[in-house]
N, C-alpha and C. Protein backbone atom coordinates (compact mmCIF):
# COMPACT_ATOMS: atom_id res chain seq x y z
N UNK A 1 10.44 341.71 -114.18
CA UNK A 1 10.85 342.50 -112.79
C UNK A 1 10.51 341.33 -111.68
N UNK A 2 9.15 341.03 -111.71
CA UNK A 2 8.47 340.04 -110.86
C UNK A 2 9.75 338.83 -110.50
N UNK A 3 10.35 338.20 -111.39
CA UNK A 3 10.74 337.10 -111.56
C UNK A 3 12.50 337.41 -110.85
N UNK A 4 12.86 338.65 -111.01
CA UNK A 4 14.22 339.11 -110.42
C UNK A 4 13.95 339.10 -108.72
N UNK A 5 12.68 339.81 -108.22
CA UNK A 5 12.25 339.67 -107.19
C UNK A 5 12.11 338.41 -106.15
N UNK A 6 11.51 337.33 -107.03
CA UNK A 6 11.24 336.21 -106.25
C UNK A 6 12.71 335.56 -105.88
N UNK A 7 13.70 335.99 -107.17
CA UNK A 7 15.08 335.00 -107.24
C UNK A 7 15.97 335.77 -105.81
N UNK A 8 15.88 337.15 -105.90
CA UNK A 8 16.43 337.50 -104.85
C UNK A 8 15.55 337.56 -103.43
N UNK A 9 14.43 337.30 -103.18
CA UNK A 9 13.79 336.40 -102.05
C UNK A 9 14.50 335.60 -101.75
N UNK A 10 14.84 334.48 -102.78
CA UNK A 10 15.50 333.07 -102.00
C UNK A 10 16.95 333.37 -101.95
N UNK A 11 17.47 334.11 -102.82
CA UNK A 11 18.89 334.33 -102.64
C UNK A 11 19.23 335.28 -101.24
N UNK A 12 18.54 335.95 -101.03
CA UNK A 12 18.47 336.30 -99.35
C UNK A 12 18.68 335.21 -98.02
N UNK A 13 18.12 334.51 -98.41
CA UNK A 13 18.31 333.24 -97.59
C UNK A 13 19.40 332.56 -97.17
N UNK A 14 19.96 332.74 -98.28
CA UNK A 14 21.73 331.70 -98.44
C UNK A 14 22.82 332.94 -98.04
N UNK A 15 22.63 334.37 -97.59
CA UNK A 15 23.11 335.42 -97.44
C UNK A 15 24.78 334.74 -96.82
N UNK A 16 24.62 333.96 -95.79
CA UNK A 16 25.83 333.49 -95.31
C UNK A 16 26.82 332.25 -95.57
N UNK A 17 26.14 331.85 -96.84
CA UNK A 17 26.56 330.43 -97.18
C UNK A 17 27.56 330.56 -98.44
N UNK A 18 27.93 329.63 -99.20
CA UNK A 18 28.69 329.80 -100.14
C UNK A 18 28.07 329.55 -101.26
N UNK A 19 26.92 330.60 -101.81
CA UNK A 19 26.22 329.75 -102.54
C UNK A 19 25.82 331.22 -103.85
N UNK A 20 25.82 331.01 -105.07
CA UNK A 20 25.74 332.42 -106.01
C UNK A 20 24.89 332.17 -106.75
N UNK A 21 24.41 333.50 -107.08
CA UNK A 21 22.85 333.48 -107.72
C UNK A 21 23.12 334.36 -108.95
N UNK A 22 22.67 333.78 -110.08
CA UNK A 22 22.99 334.81 -111.24
C UNK A 22 21.84 334.57 -112.35
N UNK A 23 21.38 335.70 -112.86
CA UNK A 23 20.37 335.57 -113.82
C UNK A 23 20.86 336.39 -115.30
N UNK A 24 20.69 335.66 -116.11
CA UNK A 24 20.95 336.12 -117.81
C UNK A 24 19.57 336.07 -118.75
N UNK A 25 20.05 336.52 -119.66
CA UNK A 25 19.04 336.46 -120.69
C UNK A 25 19.25 335.01 -121.57
N UNK A 26 18.44 334.64 -122.07
CA UNK A 26 18.37 333.18 -122.23
C UNK A 26 19.40 333.25 -123.85
N UNK A 27 19.04 334.37 -124.74
CA UNK A 27 20.11 334.57 -125.82
C UNK A 27 21.66 334.65 -125.57
N UNK A 28 21.78 335.27 -124.39
CA UNK A 28 23.24 335.33 -123.85
C UNK A 28 23.88 334.20 -123.57
N UNK A 29 23.05 333.17 -122.66
CA UNK A 29 23.65 331.44 -122.54
C UNK A 29 22.98 330.70 -123.36
N UNK A 30 22.27 330.87 -124.52
CA UNK A 30 21.74 329.71 -125.06
C UNK A 30 22.77 328.43 -125.40
N UNK A 31 23.95 328.82 -125.73
CA UNK A 31 25.39 327.98 -125.88
C UNK A 31 25.26 326.82 -124.80
N UNK A 32 25.37 327.48 -123.47
CA UNK A 32 25.65 326.63 -122.24
C UNK A 32 24.37 326.05 -122.14
N UNK A 33 23.10 326.36 -122.31
CA UNK A 33 22.07 325.72 -121.96
C UNK A 33 21.89 324.48 -123.12
N UNK A 34 22.40 324.41 -124.03
CA UNK A 34 22.75 323.50 -124.98
C UNK A 34 23.87 322.46 -124.76
N UNK A 35 24.55 322.84 -124.29
CA UNK A 35 25.52 322.08 -123.37
C UNK A 35 25.15 320.84 -122.78
N UNK A 36 23.87 321.35 -121.73
CA UNK A 36 23.07 320.58 -120.59
C UNK A 36 21.95 320.08 -121.48
N UNK A 37 21.93 320.01 -122.74
CA UNK A 37 20.69 319.31 -123.22
C UNK A 37 19.33 320.18 -122.99
N UNK A 38 19.16 321.20 -122.94
CA UNK A 38 18.46 322.16 -122.55
C UNK A 38 17.74 323.29 -123.62
N UNK A 39 16.79 323.21 -123.95
CA UNK A 39 16.26 324.03 -125.27
C UNK A 39 14.94 324.86 -123.95
N UNK A 40 15.75 326.27 -124.42
CA UNK A 40 15.04 327.18 -123.44
C UNK A 40 13.19 327.58 -123.63
N UNK A 41 12.50 328.00 -123.12
CA UNK A 41 11.46 328.60 -123.46
C UNK A 41 11.42 330.04 -122.94
N UNK A 42 11.65 331.01 -123.89
CA UNK A 42 11.94 332.37 -123.47
C UNK A 42 10.89 333.02 -122.55
N UNK A 43 9.59 332.32 -122.78
CA UNK A 43 8.43 332.59 -121.86
C UNK A 43 8.74 332.30 -120.71
N UNK A 44 9.71 331.07 -120.14
CA UNK A 44 9.44 330.71 -119.28
C UNK A 44 10.71 330.51 -118.36
N UNK A 45 11.35 330.64 -117.13
CA UNK A 45 12.20 330.55 -116.57
C UNK A 45 12.98 329.23 -116.53
N UNK A 46 14.52 328.93 -116.83
CA UNK A 46 15.23 327.91 -117.05
C UNK A 46 16.06 328.00 -115.91
N UNK A 47 16.05 327.00 -115.06
CA UNK A 47 17.15 326.91 -113.91
C UNK A 47 17.94 325.96 -114.08
N UNK A 48 19.45 326.09 -113.80
CA UNK A 48 20.65 325.25 -114.02
C UNK A 48 21.36 325.36 -113.09
N UNK A 49 21.95 324.26 -112.11
CA UNK A 49 23.10 324.78 -110.57
C UNK A 49 23.99 324.03 -111.20
N UNK A 50 25.04 324.57 -110.43
CA UNK A 50 26.34 323.76 -110.89
C UNK A 50 26.79 323.69 -109.00
N UNK A 51 27.67 322.55 -108.82
CA UNK A 51 28.00 322.66 -107.45
C UNK A 51 29.54 322.64 -107.62
N UNK A 52 30.22 322.37 -106.59
CA UNK A 52 31.70 322.96 -106.42
C UNK A 52 32.38 321.86 -107.24
N UNK A 53 32.13 320.36 -107.76
CA UNK A 53 32.69 319.55 -108.56
C UNK A 53 32.28 319.65 -109.77
N UNK A 54 31.76 320.97 -110.41
CA UNK A 54 31.36 320.86 -111.56
C UNK A 54 30.39 320.05 -112.26
N UNK A 55 29.48 319.46 -111.74
CA UNK A 55 28.16 318.76 -111.60
C UNK A 55 26.99 319.66 -111.60
N UNK A 56 26.33 319.74 -113.00
CA UNK A 56 25.36 320.65 -113.34
C UNK A 56 23.72 319.80 -113.02
N UNK A 57 22.97 320.27 -112.60
CA UNK A 57 21.44 319.95 -112.21
C UNK A 57 20.30 320.95 -112.91
N UNK A 58 19.74 320.31 -113.81
CA UNK A 58 18.88 321.13 -114.50
C UNK A 58 17.34 320.85 -113.56
N UNK A 59 16.64 322.31 -113.35
CA UNK A 59 15.38 321.98 -112.71
C UNK A 59 14.50 321.55 -113.91
N UNK A 60 13.73 320.35 -113.59
CA UNK A 60 12.96 320.09 -114.69
C UNK A 60 11.41 320.68 -114.26
N UNK A 61 11.13 320.73 -113.04
CA UNK A 61 9.80 321.06 -112.59
C UNK A 61 9.59 322.70 -113.01
N UNK A 62 8.15 323.05 -112.94
CA UNK A 62 7.58 324.54 -113.10
C UNK A 62 8.43 325.61 -112.15
N UNK A 63 8.67 326.63 -112.51
CA UNK A 63 9.28 327.52 -111.75
C UNK A 63 8.18 328.13 -111.31
N UNK A 64 8.11 328.06 -109.88
CA UNK A 64 6.80 329.11 -109.35
C UNK A 64 7.46 330.34 -108.53
């Protein structure tokens, strides 16, 4: 729940822009993570962003 609160705080700062945020269980999107060459650690958040040109960006730094 703590992670959800942190993401919600960041998402609220984008409330007037064309940005969407989503959270899911690693098991639900494991196939998508694999498409990006990402092996998720269930104990740590994994962040991937997509832009309007369908390019993907993987956050390699630790999520804090």
